[in-house]
């Protein structure tokens, strides 16, 4: 084969890796999810808020910050960023909202794209390690099968691990001169802009790895000057900050700091703890919230590592140390991210071994914004995976057939021991929460709002919003509001201002207690608060629909009549002037 033919084939290999990612998506049971109108697998977890955020944004007018959803949880400020509705994708699809089906969801397509891009970048990364096509493809399969990726499927915006893999490729690819250095930095800048408009956690990881890339341009090998690197760092920082401002992550008065830092951390055995992922290895002890720090390498990868490390350490130790020193900035940043993942309360096998909470207390307003710090274990996961694959290829470099056999064996073990492949857990049936009572078809066009009383604000600790509403009740009412063109005061957002929540809830409660009911509002009432409505007598009509207590002001109309037929209105309580 000529050099030109070999180069042409090499260019197509990443696309074969992308097909590998799609094949794994199908194998996990994701085929039906590619139908953008199929909702009956999204009715649980964080997917519900992602879908509602996108739906309300598609109907909202363009405004600043980009991605605002004024009809979702008003008067609280919410954006597609805070509902984890993948801001860049939502913005790109919004111009086509008139031709898209009303039940359109892009989560299935996004997850498939993430696996495809992971396969694509996996081949690119492996091409730096080995020129053999077979080894590149098998190595890419390990990145596609990475447990930390599929584990995050329930939080779709966080599944863009291909961005982290791409940064590792930029670190390892040849960069001999200033021209190639600037080309590498342009790619890194694009990845930072994409990550900032996908999810803040990914943005921090990509930015940190890009900072290590910048340092590597001047040390240990000098390809750019310090002044050039400083300007590049400033430009990248401004670009990320601009995207954060554009999508309303900052500057909107929404509380950034939150409780829970140190709870959702990573255990120091994270890379070796299957947490139920493996059917062979046991679940190691860990604390309750440390699922966020899931970093399991996979049984096949662990066996591959043991095989590569067998024999005298002197055979591979010198080579490993040389590679680590050559990428010292990358290793340093990855270790800092891992320490942050371990948080201020470091645990080993679920046992606390070091606490630094008092020392880190002054930093809590900043680090508290990333309470699920365990997620920052992902870069370490991918660096270790890359290192194990590189060591295996180098260890038996004189025997390529043996390398192929060992990699294939480890990959088969990785596949067989992937519990999700056999349970199809990620795409299990989960019907979309939707109200079905026929009375909703009688809803008069004069109604403009759906108000849950008290408001259901998922995660809020404000006493005023305490109720007996279940977690997904707000999803049902959000779905109704979207389909009927109404607003809804309840929902689930990653960040909100508790002071504003208290003010809004207190104002609503005052109005209800004074008997001030808006004629254009459907009230969904917590049964423990129903007496506030029933004591209004004929001024309010209440009934039961889909198992919920629903009330409206008695102003006439088809919906009021339909609601009245669902139950017998309770008589008004006697007053001092009432006859005996």
Protein backbone atom coordinates (compact mmCIF):
# COMPACT_ATOMS: atom_id res chain seq x y z
CA UNK A 1 0.00 0.00 0.00
CA UNK A 2 1.37 3.42 -0.95
CA UNK A 3 1.97 6.19 1.58
CA UNK A 4 -0.90 8.18 0.05
CA UNK A 5 -3.30 5.26 0.45
CA UNK A 6 -2.19 4.74 4.04
CA UNK A 7 -2.75 8.43 4.82
CA UNK A 8 -6.20 8.32 3.23
CA UNK A 9 -7.19 5.28 5.28
CA UNK A 10 -5.84 6.86 8.46
CA UNK A 11 -8.17 9.80 7.96
CA UNK A 12 -11.17 7.47 7.89
CA UNK A 13 -10.28 5.54 11.03
CA UNK A 14 -11.77 8.08 13.47
CA UNK A 15 -15.08 7.77 11.63
CA UNK A 16 -14.92 4.02 12.14
CA UNK A 17 -14.46 4.80 15.82
CA UNK A 18 -17.59 6.93 15.66
CA UNK A 19 -19.52 3.98 14.22
CA UNK A 20 -18.19 1.90 17.09
CA UNK A 21 -19.69 4.40 19.52
CA UNK A 22 -23.05 4.25 17.77
CA UNK A 23 -22.97 0.46 17.85
CA UNK A 24 -22.41 0.51 21.62
CA UNK A 25 -25.32 2.95 22.01
CA UNK A 26 -27.59 0.52 20.17
CA UNK A 27 -26.27 -2.43 22.16
CA UNK A 28 -27.15 -0.65 25.41
CA UNK A 29 -30.77 -0.44 24.23
CA UNK A 30 -30.67 3.13 22.94
CA UNK A 31 -32.19 2.46 19.52
CA UNK A 32 -35.76 3.61 20.36
CA UNK A 33 -34.35 6.75 22.03
CA UNK A 34 -33.20 7.99 18.63
CA UNK A 35 -36.85 8.70 17.81
CA UNK A 36 -37.10 12.36 18.87
CA UNK A 37 -40.81 12.01 19.68
CA UNK A 38 -40.32 8.97 21.95
CA UNK A 39 -40.71 10.15 25.55
CA UNK A 40 -41.49 7.01 27.49
CA UNK A 41 -37.92 6.46 28.65
CA UNK A 42 -37.41 10.01 29.96
CA UNK A 43 -39.92 10.02 32.81
CA UNK A 44 -37.38 9.85 35.62
CA UNK A 45 -34.32 11.63 37.01
CA UNK A 46 -32.66 14.72 35.59
CA UNK A 47 -33.98 14.03 32.11
CA UNK A 48 -37.36 15.47 33.08
CA UNK A 49 -35.99 18.91 33.87
CA UNK A 50 -33.83 18.88 30.74
CA UNK A 51 -36.83 18.17 28.52
CA UNK A 52 -39.07 20.77 30.18
CA UNK A 53 -36.33 23.40 30.03
CA UNK A 54 -35.94 22.88 26.28
CA UNK A 55 -39.70 22.86 25.68
CA UNK A 56 -40.31 26.14 27.48
CA UNK A 57 -37.30 27.74 25.79
CA UNK A 58 -38.44 26.80 22.30
CA UNK A 59 -41.69 28.75 22.85
CA UNK A 60 -40.04 31.71 24.58
CA UNK A 61 -39.08 34.94 22.78
CA UNK A 62 -35.40 35.59 22.18
CA UNK A 63 -33.93 37.54 25.09
CA UNK A 64 -30.87 38.08 27.22
CA UNK A 65 -29.52 36.04 28.81
CA UNK A 66 -29.77 33.63 25.93
CA UNK A 67 -31.80 30.61 26.92
CA UNK A 68 -34.25 32.29 29.30
CA UNK A 69 -37.45 30.40 30.03
CA UNK A 70 -39.78 33.10 31.38
CA UNK A 71 -42.81 30.79 31.56
CA UNK A 72 -41.02 28.17 33.66
CA UNK A 73 -40.96 28.88 37.42
CA UNK A 74 -41.78 32.61 37.17
CA UNK A 75 -41.05 35.03 38.67
CA UNK A 76 -37.83 33.15 39.47
CA UNK A 77 -35.14 33.46 36.81
CA UNK A 78 -34.49 30.23 34.94
CA UNK A 79 -32.50 29.43 31.81
CA UNK A 80 -31.76 26.29 29.82
CA UNK A 81 -28.39 26.36 31.54
CA UNK A 82 -29.95 25.94 34.98
CA UNK A 83 -32.26 23.18 33.72
CA UNK A 84 -29.26 21.38 32.15
CA UNK A 85 -31.01 21.52 28.78
CA UNK A 86 -27.76 21.73 26.81
CA UNK A 87 -27.74 25.44 25.92
CA UNK A 88 -25.84 25.21 22.62
CA UNK A 89 -28.10 22.47 21.25
CA UNK A 90 -31.25 24.26 22.47
CA UNK A 91 -30.19 27.50 20.79
CA UNK A 92 -29.32 25.75 17.53
CA UNK A 93 -32.72 24.01 17.42
CA UNK A 94 -34.87 26.97 18.48
CA UNK A 95 -35.11 28.54 14.98
CA UNK A 96 -36.73 25.30 13.77
CA UNK A 97 -39.33 25.13 16.53
CA UNK A 98 -42.25 25.65 14.11
CA UNK A 99 -41.39 22.56 12.10
CA UNK A 100 -40.34 20.34 15.01
CA UNK A 101 -42.97 18.10 16.64
CA UNK A 102 -44.37 19.42 19.93
CA UNK A 103 -43.01 16.43 21.83
CA UNK A 104 -39.55 16.77 20.27
CA UNK A 105 -36.63 15.74 22.49
CA UNK A 106 -32.99 15.61 21.48
CA UNK A 107 -31.54 13.71 24.45
CA UNK A 108 -31.39 10.36 22.66
CA UNK A 109 -29.63 11.85 19.63
CA UNK A 110 -27.26 13.78 21.92
CA UNK A 111 -26.28 10.67 23.89
CA UNK A 112 -25.63 8.76 20.67
CA UNK A 113 -23.54 11.67 19.39
CA UNK A 114 -21.51 11.70 22.61
CA UNK A 115 -20.64 8.01 22.24
CA UNK A 116 -19.85 8.50 18.55
CA UNK A 117 -17.57 11.47 19.28
CA UNK A 118 -15.94 9.52 22.11
CA UNK A 119 -15.12 6.77 19.61
CA UNK A 120 -13.87 9.37 17.12
CA UNK A 121 -11.56 11.01 19.64
CA UNK A 122 -10.54 7.63 21.04
CA UNK A 123 -9.07 6.67 17.66
CA UNK A 124 -7.35 10.07 17.38
CA UNK A 125 -5.80 9.60 20.82
CA UNK A 126 -4.73 6.01 20.14
CA UNK A 127 -3.14 7.08 16.84
CA UNK A 128 -0.58 9.00 18.90
CA UNK A 129 0.24 5.82 20.83
CA UNK A 130 0.34 3.28 17.99
CA UNK A 131 0.31 3.39 14.17
CA UNK A 132 -1.54 0.05 13.90
CA UNK A 133 -5.16 0.43 12.86
CA UNK A 134 -6.33 -2.63 14.80
CA UNK A 135 -4.78 -1.37 18.03
CA UNK A 136 -6.27 2.08 17.48
CA UNK A 137 -9.76 0.67 17.08
CA UNK A 138 -9.52 -1.68 20.06
CA UNK A 139 -8.10 1.10 22.21
CA UNK A 140 -10.89 3.46 21.12
CA UNK A 141 -13.41 0.82 22.18
CA UNK A 142 -12.14 1.13 25.77
CA UNK A 143 -12.94 4.84 25.70
CA UNK A 144 -16.42 4.13 24.32
CA UNK A 145 -17.02 1.49 26.99
CA UNK A 146 -15.69 3.68 29.83
CA UNK A 147 -18.04 3.05 32.78
CA UNK A 148 -17.85 6.72 33.84
CA UNK A 149 -19.43 7.72 30.52
CA UNK A 150 -22.40 5.37 30.42
CA UNK A 151 -22.94 5.91 34.17
CA UNK A 152 -23.64 9.60 33.44
CA UNK A 153 -26.35 8.91 30.86
CA UNK A 154 -28.99 10.00 33.37
CA UNK A 155 -27.51 13.51 33.22
CA UNK A 156 -27.22 13.98 29.49
CA UNK A 157 -25.38 17.32 29.37
CA UNK A 158 -22.54 15.75 31.38
CA UNK A 159 -21.98 12.99 28.83
CA UNK A 160 -19.71 15.02 26.56
CA UNK A 161 -16.62 13.19 27.82
CA UNK A 162 -15.24 13.37 24.30
CA UNK A 163 -14.19 16.91 25.15
CA UNK A 164 -11.89 15.59 27.88
CA UNK A 165 -10.59 12.89 25.52
CA UNK A 166 -9.97 15.56 22.87
CA UNK A 167 -7.88 17.60 25.31
CA UNK A 168 -5.77 14.53 26.11
CA UNK A 169 -5.22 14.07 22.37
CA UNK A 170 -4.08 17.69 22.09
CA UNK A 171 -1.61 17.08 24.93
CA UNK A 172 -0.12 13.96 23.35
CA UNK A 173 -0.13 14.82 19.65
CA UNK A 174 3.15 16.07 18.13
CA UNK A 175 3.56 19.83 18.45
CA UNK A 176 7.11 20.63 17.32
CA UNK A 177 6.90 24.36 16.52
CA UNK A 178 4.98 27.60 17.07
CA UNK A 179 2.72 27.09 14.05
CA UNK A 180 1.47 23.72 15.29
CA UNK A 181 1.23 25.14 18.82
CA UNK A 182 -1.16 27.89 17.73
CA UNK A 183 -3.21 25.38 15.75
CA UNK A 184 -3.48 23.22 18.86
CA UNK A 185 -4.56 26.21 20.95
CA UNK A 186 -7.25 27.17 18.44
CA UNK A 187 -8.76 23.69 18.79
CA UNK A 188 -8.54 24.00 22.58
CA UNK A 189 -10.33 27.37 22.44
CA UNK A 190 -13.17 25.83 20.41
CA UNK A 191 -13.49 23.03 22.95
CA UNK A 192 -13.64 25.57 25.79
CA UNK A 193 -16.43 27.52 24.11
CA UNK A 194 -18.38 24.32 23.43
CA UNK A 195 -17.90 23.07 27.00
CA UNK A 196 -18.93 26.40 28.54
CA UNK A 197 -22.24 26.20 26.67
CA UNK A 198 -22.79 22.54 27.52
CA UNK A 199 -22.23 22.24 31.27
CA UNK A 200 -20.18 24.24 33.84
CA UNK A 201 -18.54 21.12 35.29
CA UNK A 202 -17.23 20.13 31.87
CA UNK A 203 -16.18 23.71 31.27
CA UNK A 204 -13.98 23.70 34.38
CA UNK A 205 -12.35 20.40 33.41
CA UNK A 206 -11.69 21.50 29.84
CA UNK A 207 -10.40 24.89 30.98
CA UNK A 208 -8.07 23.28 33.53
CA UNK A 209 -6.68 20.84 30.96
CA UNK A 210 -6.28 23.71 28.50
CA UNK A 211 -4.32 25.64 31.12
CA UNK A 212 -1.99 22.66 31.45
CA UNK A 213 -1.68 22.66 27.66
CA UNK A 214 -0.65 26.32 27.72
CA UNK A 215 1.97 25.69 30.39
CA UNK A 216 3.28 22.80 28.30
CA UNK A 217 3.91 25.24 25.44
CA UNK A 218 6.70 26.89 27.45
CA UNK A 219 7.78 24.13 29.84
CA UNK A 220 9.39 21.64 29.70
CA UNK A 221 9.68 22.24 25.93
CA UNK A 222 9.55 25.88 24.78
CA UNK A 223 7.42 26.41 21.68
CA UNK A 224 5.83 29.75 22.59
CA UNK A 225 6.90 32.68 24.73
CA UNK A 226 5.44 33.47 28.15
CA UNK A 227 3.84 36.64 26.79
CA UNK A 228 2.11 34.71 24.02
CA UNK A 229 0.90 32.10 26.50
CA UNK A 230 -0.36 34.81 28.85
CA UNK A 231 -2.37 36.45 26.07
CA UNK A 232 -3.77 33.07 25.02
CA UNK A 233 -4.81 32.38 28.61
CA UNK A 234 -6.50 35.78 28.84
CA UNK A 235 -8.32 35.22 25.55
CA UNK A 236 -9.54 31.79 26.61
CA UNK A 237 -10.69 33.09 29.99
CA UNK A 238 -12.64 35.92 28.36
CA UNK A 239 -14.23 33.52 25.88
CA UNK A 240 -15.42 31.16 28.63
CA UNK A 241 -16.62 34.07 30.76
CA UNK A 242 -18.53 35.52 27.80
CA UNK A 243 -20.35 32.22 27.21
CA UNK A 244 -21.20 31.96 30.92
CA UNK A 245 -22.59 35.50 30.80
CA UNK A 246 -24.42 34.82 27.53
CA UNK A 247 -26.28 31.85 28.97
CA UNK A 248 -26.96 33.48 32.34
CA UNK A 249 -24.74 31.31 34.51
CA UNK A 250 -23.38 34.52 36.06
CA UNK A 251 -24.67 38.03 36.59
CA UNK A 252 -28.35 37.12 37.15
CA UNK A 253 -28.54 37.20 40.93
CA UNK A 254 -28.90 33.43 41.16
CA UNK A 255 -27.13 31.86 44.11
CA UNK A 256 -23.99 30.02 43.02
CA UNK A 257 -22.88 28.53 46.31
CA UNK A 258 -24.87 25.59 47.56
CA UNK A 259 -24.78 23.10 50.41
CA UNK A 260 -23.46 19.58 50.13
CA UNK A 261 -19.80 20.14 49.23
CA UNK A 262 -17.86 17.19 50.60
CA UNK A 263 -20.89 14.89 50.44
CA UNK A 264 -20.88 14.26 46.67
CA UNK A 265 -17.16 13.59 46.49
CA UNK A 266 -14.96 10.80 45.17
CA UNK A 267 -13.50 8.12 47.38
CA UNK A 268 -9.76 7.53 46.95
CA UNK A 269 -10.58 4.02 45.71
CA UNK A 270 -12.91 5.44 43.07
CA UNK A 271 -11.00 3.99 40.11
CA UNK A 272 -11.31 0.49 41.56
CA UNK A 273 -14.81 0.56 43.05
CA UNK A 274 -17.45 -0.93 40.68
CA UNK A 275 -20.38 0.38 42.78
CA UNK A 276 -22.53 -2.37 41.29
CA UNK A 277 -21.20 -1.91 37.75
CA UNK A 278 -19.35 -5.24 37.76
CA UNK A 279 -20.85 -8.69 38.02
CA UNK A 280 -17.45 -10.07 39.04
CA UNK A 281 -15.88 -7.63 41.47
CA UNK A 282 -17.57 -6.59 44.74
CA UNK A 283 -18.96 -3.17 45.59
CA UNK A 284 -16.36 -1.54 47.85
CA UNK A 285 -17.50 0.58 50.81
CA UNK A 286 -18.18 4.25 50.03
CA UNK A 287 -20.17 7.03 51.60
CA UNK A 288 -23.74 7.76 50.55
CA UNK A 289 -23.25 10.64 48.13
CA UNK A 290 -20.06 9.36 46.52
CA UNK A 291 -21.84 7.96 43.50
CA UNK A 292 -21.05 11.37 41.99
CA UNK A 293 -17.37 10.39 42.21
CA UNK A 294 -17.85 7.13 40.31
CA UNK A 295 -14.61 6.54 38.42
CA UNK A 296 -14.41 2.78 37.92
CA UNK A 297 -11.96 1.82 35.17
CA UNK A 298 -13.70 -1.43 34.33
CA UNK A 299 -12.76 -5.03 34.98
CA UNK A 300 -11.12 -5.47 31.58
CA UNK A 301 -8.92 -2.40 32.06
CA UNK A 302 -7.85 -3.51 35.54
CA UNK A 303 -6.88 -6.97 34.22
CA UNK A 304 -5.02 -5.32 31.33
CA UNK A 305 -3.13 -3.16 33.82
CA UNK A 306 -2.12 -6.20 35.88
CA UNK A 307 -0.91 -8.00 32.75
CA UNK A 308 1.14 -4.99 31.61
CA UNK A 309 2.71 -4.55 35.04
CA UNK A 310 3.76 -8.19 35.47
CA UNK A 311 7.47 -8.86 35.60
CA UNK A 312 10.34 -6.71 36.78
CA UNK A 313 9.37 -3.07 37.45
CA UNK A 314 12.62 -1.95 35.90
CA UNK A 315 11.26 -3.05 32.52
CA UNK A 316 8.55 -0.42 32.44
CA UNK A 317 9.26 2.00 35.31
CA UNK A 318 11.89 4.05 33.49
CA UNK A 319 9.70 4.39 30.42
CA UNK A 320 6.67 5.41 32.50
CA UNK A 321 8.65 8.03 34.42
CA UNK A 322 9.99 9.48 31.17
CA UNK A 323 6.47 9.84 29.74
CA UNK A 324 5.14 11.39 32.95
CA UNK A 325 7.97 13.95 33.12
CA UNK A 326 7.35 14.87 29.48
CA UNK A 327 3.76 15.79 30.38
CA UNK A 328 4.34 17.21 33.85
CA UNK A 329 1.85 20.13 33.48
CA UNK A 330 -0.92 17.71 32.46
CA UNK A 331 -0.17 15.36 35.35
CA UNK A 332 -0.06 18.23 37.82
CA UNK A 333 -3.43 19.66 36.75
CA UNK A 334 -5.06 16.22 36.69
CA UNK A 335 -3.85 15.51 40.22
CA UNK A 336 -5.19 18.87 41.42
CA UNK A 337 -8.57 18.05 39.88
CA UNK A 338 -8.46 14.65 41.60
CA UNK A 339 -7.73 16.29 44.96
CA UNK A 340 -10.70 18.57 44.40
CA UNK A 341 -12.78 15.49 43.60
CA UNK A 342 -11.76 14.01 46.96
CA UNK A 343 -13.01 17.31 48.51
CA UNK A 344 -12.29 18.59 52.00
CA UNK A 345 -13.27 15.26 53.53
CA UNK A 346 -11.02 12.59 52.06
CA UNK A 347 -12.15 8.98 52.41
CA UNK A 348 -10.59 5.61 51.69
CA UNK A 349 -13.04 2.79 51.32
CA UNK A 350 -15.75 4.92 52.89
CA UNK A 351 -13.64 5.73 55.97
CA UNK A 352 -12.67 9.35 56.58
CA UNK A 353 -8.88 9.67 56.69
CA UNK A 354 -8.42 13.45 56.45
CA UNK A 355 -10.67 16.45 57.02
CA UNK A 356 -9.78 19.96 55.85
CA UNK A 357 -13.15 21.66 56.21
CA UNK A 358 -11.94 24.35 58.62
CA UNK A 359 -8.90 25.07 56.47
CA UNK A 360 -11.04 25.36 53.32
CA UNK A 361 -13.89 27.31 54.97
CA UNK A 362 -12.86 30.68 53.45
CA UNK A 363 -13.02 29.11 49.97
CA UNK A 364 -16.51 27.65 50.36
CA UNK A 365 -18.33 30.51 48.58
CA UNK A 366 -16.34 29.59 45.46
CA UNK A 367 -15.82 25.82 45.67
CA UNK A 368 -19.33 25.33 47.01
CA UNK A 369 -20.67 26.07 43.52
CA UNK A 370 -19.33 22.65 42.52
CA UNK A 371 -20.76 20.59 45.33
CA UNK A 372 -20.65 17.41 43.19
CA UNK A 373 -16.87 17.66 43.25
CA UNK A 374 -16.52 13.91 42.72
CA UNK A 375 -17.09 14.45 39.00
CA UNK A 376 -13.62 15.95 38.72
CA UNK A 377 -12.21 12.44 38.97
CA UNK A 378 -13.01 11.94 35.27
CA UNK A 379 -9.77 13.45 33.88
CA UNK A 380 -7.75 11.14 36.15
CA UNK A 381 -9.84 8.20 34.93
CA UNK A 382 -9.05 8.95 31.28
CA UNK A 383 -5.38 9.70 31.94
CA UNK A 384 -4.97 6.37 33.76
CA UNK A 385 -6.86 4.55 30.99
CA UNK A 386 -4.62 6.16 28.37
CA UNK A 387 -1.54 5.24 30.38
CA UNK A 388 -2.58 1.60 30.74
CA UNK A 389 -3.23 1.27 27.00
CA UNK A 390 0.06 3.00 26.16
CA UNK A 391 1.97 0.75 28.56
CA UNK A 392 0.41 -2.40 27.11
CA UNK A 393 1.26 -1.35 23.55
CA UNK A 394 4.83 -0.39 24.54
CA UNK A 395 5.42 -3.45 26.71
CA UNK A 396 4.84 -5.90 23.83
CA UNK A 397 5.79 -3.57 20.99
CA UNK A 398 7.98 -6.24 19.41
CA UNK A 399 5.07 -8.69 19.34
CA UNK A 400 2.06 -6.89 17.78
CA UNK A 401 0.01 -10.07 17.54
CA UNK A 402 0.34 -10.51 21.30
CA UNK A 403 -0.73 -6.89 21.84
CA UNK A 404 -3.82 -7.54 19.72
CA UNK A 405 -4.68 -10.70 21.63
CA UNK A 406 -4.25 -9.10 25.04
CA UNK A 407 -6.26 -6.01 24.10
CA UNK A 408 -9.08 -8.09 22.60
CA UNK A 409 -9.21 -10.32 25.67
CA UNK A 410 -9.38 -7.36 28.01
CA UNK A 411 -12.02 -5.70 25.84
CA UNK A 412 -14.21 -8.81 25.83
CA UNK A 413 -13.97 -8.96 29.61
CA UNK A 414 -14.92 -5.27 29.77
CA UNK A 415 -17.98 -5.93 27.62
CA UNK A 416 -19.11 -9.07 29.40
CA UNK A 417 -18.76 -7.41 32.80
CA UNK A 418 -20.78 -4.33 31.82
CA UNK A 419 -23.98 -4.91 33.78
CA UNK A 420 -25.87 -2.24 31.80
CA UNK A 421 -25.43 -4.26 28.62
CA UNK A 422 -27.52 -7.07 30.07
CA UNK A 423 -30.04 -5.06 32.12
CA UNK A 424 -30.65 -2.25 29.56
CA UNK A 425 -31.04 -0.08 32.65
CA UNK A 426 -30.22 3.27 31.05
CA UNK A 427 -33.08 3.08 28.57
CA UNK A 428 -35.65 1.27 30.67
CA UNK A 429 -39.32 2.04 30.25
CA UNK A 430 -40.23 5.17 32.20
CA UNK A 431 -43.50 6.73 30.93
CA UNK A 432 -43.44 10.48 30.63
CA UNK A 433 -45.51 12.08 33.46
CA UNK A 434 -48.61 13.41 31.75
CA UNK A 435 -52.08 14.34 33.00
CA UNK A 436 -54.81 12.43 31.18
CA UNK A 437 -58.13 13.61 32.63
CA UNK A 438 -60.54 14.53 29.78
CA UNK A 439 -61.51 17.73 31.62
CA UNK A 440 -58.21 19.32 30.52
CA UNK A 441 -59.61 19.50 27.00
CA UNK A 442 -62.24 21.90 28.40
CA UNK A 443 -59.62 24.37 29.64
CA UNK A 444 -60.75 27.83 28.55
CA UNK A 445 -58.31 30.01 26.57
CA UNK A 446 -58.58 32.71 29.26
CA UNK A 447 -56.41 30.68 31.61
CA UNK A 448 -52.76 31.77 31.53
CA UNK A 449 -51.12 30.20 34.58
CA UNK A 450 -50.79 26.93 36.49
CA UNK A 451 -49.91 27.64 40.12
CA UNK A 452 -48.91 24.89 42.51
CA UNK A 453 -49.65 25.94 46.08
CA UNK A 454 -47.28 25.98 47.72
CA UNK A 455 -44.75 26.21 44.88
CA UNK A 456 -42.71 23.06 44.35
CA UNK A 457 -39.06 24.13 43.98
CA UNK A 458 -36.97 20.98 43.87
CA UNK A 459 -34.07 21.16 46.31
CA UNK A 460 -35.19 24.31 48.11
CA UNK A 461 -34.87 24.31 51.89
CA UNK A 462 -37.28 27.23 52.37
CA UNK A 463 -39.97 26.20 54.93
CA UNK A 464 -42.69 28.03 52.98
CA UNK A 465 -42.51 25.57 50.07
CA UNK A 466 -42.79 22.42 52.18
CA UNK A 467 -45.64 20.24 50.90
CA UNK A 468 -46.77 16.71 50.25
CA UNK A 469 -46.24 17.04 46.50
CA UNK A 470 -44.14 14.24 45.02
CA UNK A 471 -40.96 14.91 43.02
CA UNK A 472 -42.47 14.39 39.57
CA UNK A 473 -45.77 16.17 40.25
CA UNK A 474 -44.26 19.43 39.03
CA UNK A 475 -43.26 17.66 35.80
CA UNK A 476 -46.89 16.73 35.12
CA UNK A 477 -48.01 20.32 35.58
CA UNK A 478 -45.07 21.65 33.61
CA UNK A 479 -46.03 19.32 30.78
CA UNK A 480 -49.64 20.56 30.88
CA UNK A 481 -48.51 24.19 30.95
CA UNK A 482 -46.26 23.64 27.93
CA UNK A 483 -48.96 21.90 25.90
CA UNK A 484 -51.59 24.53 26.76
CA UNK A 485 -49.34 27.58 26.43
CA UNK A 486 -49.48 28.46 30.14
CA UNK A 487 -46.87 29.38 32.73
CA UNK A 488 -46.02 27.21 35.74
CA UNK A 489 -44.51 28.39 39.00
CA UNK A 490 -42.86 25.10 39.93
CA UNK A 491 -40.02 22.95 38.68
CA UNK A 492 -36.47 21.77 39.06
CA UNK A 493 -33.43 23.98 38.41
CA UNK A 494 -29.80 23.41 39.31
CA UNK A 495 -29.50 26.84 40.93
CA UNK A 496 -31.95 29.38 42.34
CA UNK A 497 -32.06 32.18 44.87
CA UNK A 498 -33.61 30.95 48.14
CA UNK A 499 -34.33 34.50 49.24
CA UNK A 500 -36.42 35.06 46.12
CA UNK A 501 -38.12 31.70 46.63
CA UNK A 502 -39.13 32.79 50.13
CA UNK A 503 -40.43 36.14 48.89
CA UNK A 504 -42.45 34.61 46.05
CA UNK A 505 -43.90 31.87 48.24
CA UNK A 506 -44.78 34.33 51.03
CA UNK A 507 -46.53 36.71 48.59
CA UNK A 508 -48.57 33.85 47.10
CA UNK A 509 -49.55 32.59 50.55
CA UNK A 510 -50.67 36.08 51.58
CA UNK A 511 -52.86 36.41 48.51
CA UNK A 512 -54.46 33.03 49.11
CA UNK A 513 -55.12 33.79 52.77
CA UNK A 514 -56.77 37.09 51.76
CA UNK A 515 -58.94 35.30 49.22
CA UNK A 516 -57.30 37.03 46.26
CA UNK A 517 -57.59 34.46 43.47
CA UNK A 518 -56.57 35.31 39.92
CA UNK A 519 -59.34 34.47 37.40
CA UNK A 520 -56.77 33.36 34.80
CA UNK A 521 -55.07 30.82 37.06
CA UNK A 522 -55.49 27.11 37.70
CA UNK A 523 -54.46 26.35 41.29
CA UNK A 524 -53.05 22.93 42.16
CA UNK A 525 -53.40 22.67 45.92
CA UNK A 526 -51.50 20.60 48.44
CA UNK A 527 -54.24 18.75 50.40
CA UNK A 528 -52.87 20.15 53.66
CA UNK A 529 -53.63 23.69 52.38
CA UNK A 530 -57.01 22.94 50.80
CA UNK A 531 -58.95 24.49 53.68
CA UNK A 532 -57.71 27.95 52.61
CA UNK A 533 -59.65 27.50 49.37
CA UNK A 534 -62.70 25.68 50.66
CA UNK A 535 -63.48 28.39 53.19
CA UNK A 536 -64.08 30.81 50.29
CA UNK A 537 -67.34 29.04 49.55
CA UNK A 538 -68.96 29.89 46.20
CA UNK A 539 -66.11 32.22 45.22
CA UNK A 540 -63.90 29.22 44.43
CA UNK A 541 -64.61 25.97 42.60
CA UNK A 542 -62.50 22.96 43.60
CA UNK A 543 -62.43 19.43 42.29
CA UNK A 544 -60.20 16.42 41.81
CA UNK A 545 -58.42 15.74 38.52
CA UNK A 546 -55.78 13.06 37.99
CA UNK A 547 -55.64 12.62 41.75
CA UNK A 548 -54.83 16.30 42.43
CA UNK A 549 -56.90 18.95 44.17
CA UNK A 550 -57.55 21.64 41.57
CA UNK A 551 -59.23 24.99 42.23
CA UNK A 552 -60.21 28.00 40.12
CA UNK A 553 -61.98 31.28 40.76
CA UNK A 554 -65.72 30.92 40.12
CA UNK A 555 -65.96 33.10 37.05
CA UNK A 556 -67.80 30.68 34.80
CA UNK A 557 -66.59 28.83 31.75
CA UNK A 558 -66.40 25.26 30.48
CA UNK A 559 -63.51 24.21 32.68
CA UNK A 560 -65.17 25.44 35.89
CA UNK A 561 -68.30 23.47 35.02
CA UNK A 562 -66.27 20.35 34.23
CA UNK A 563 -64.32 20.74 37.47
CA UNK A 564 -67.51 21.15 39.49
CA UNK A 565 -68.79 17.81 38.24
CA UNK A 566 -65.74 15.94 39.58
CA UNK A 567 -66.69 16.40 43.23
CA UNK A 568 -69.25 17.87 45.55
CA UNK A 569 -68.00 21.22 46.77
CA UNK A 570 -67.52 21.33 50.51
CA UNK A 571 -69.83 23.82 52.24
CA UNK A 572 -68.34 27.01 53.57
CA UNK A 573 -67.52 26.86 57.27
CA UNK A 574 -70.08 28.55 59.56
CA UNK A 575 -69.42 32.10 60.73
CA UNK A 576 -70.61 34.04 63.74
CA UNK A 577 -73.47 35.49 61.69
CA UNK A 578 -74.64 32.13 60.36
CA UNK A 579 -78.01 30.86 61.63
CA UNK A 580 -77.95 27.75 63.84
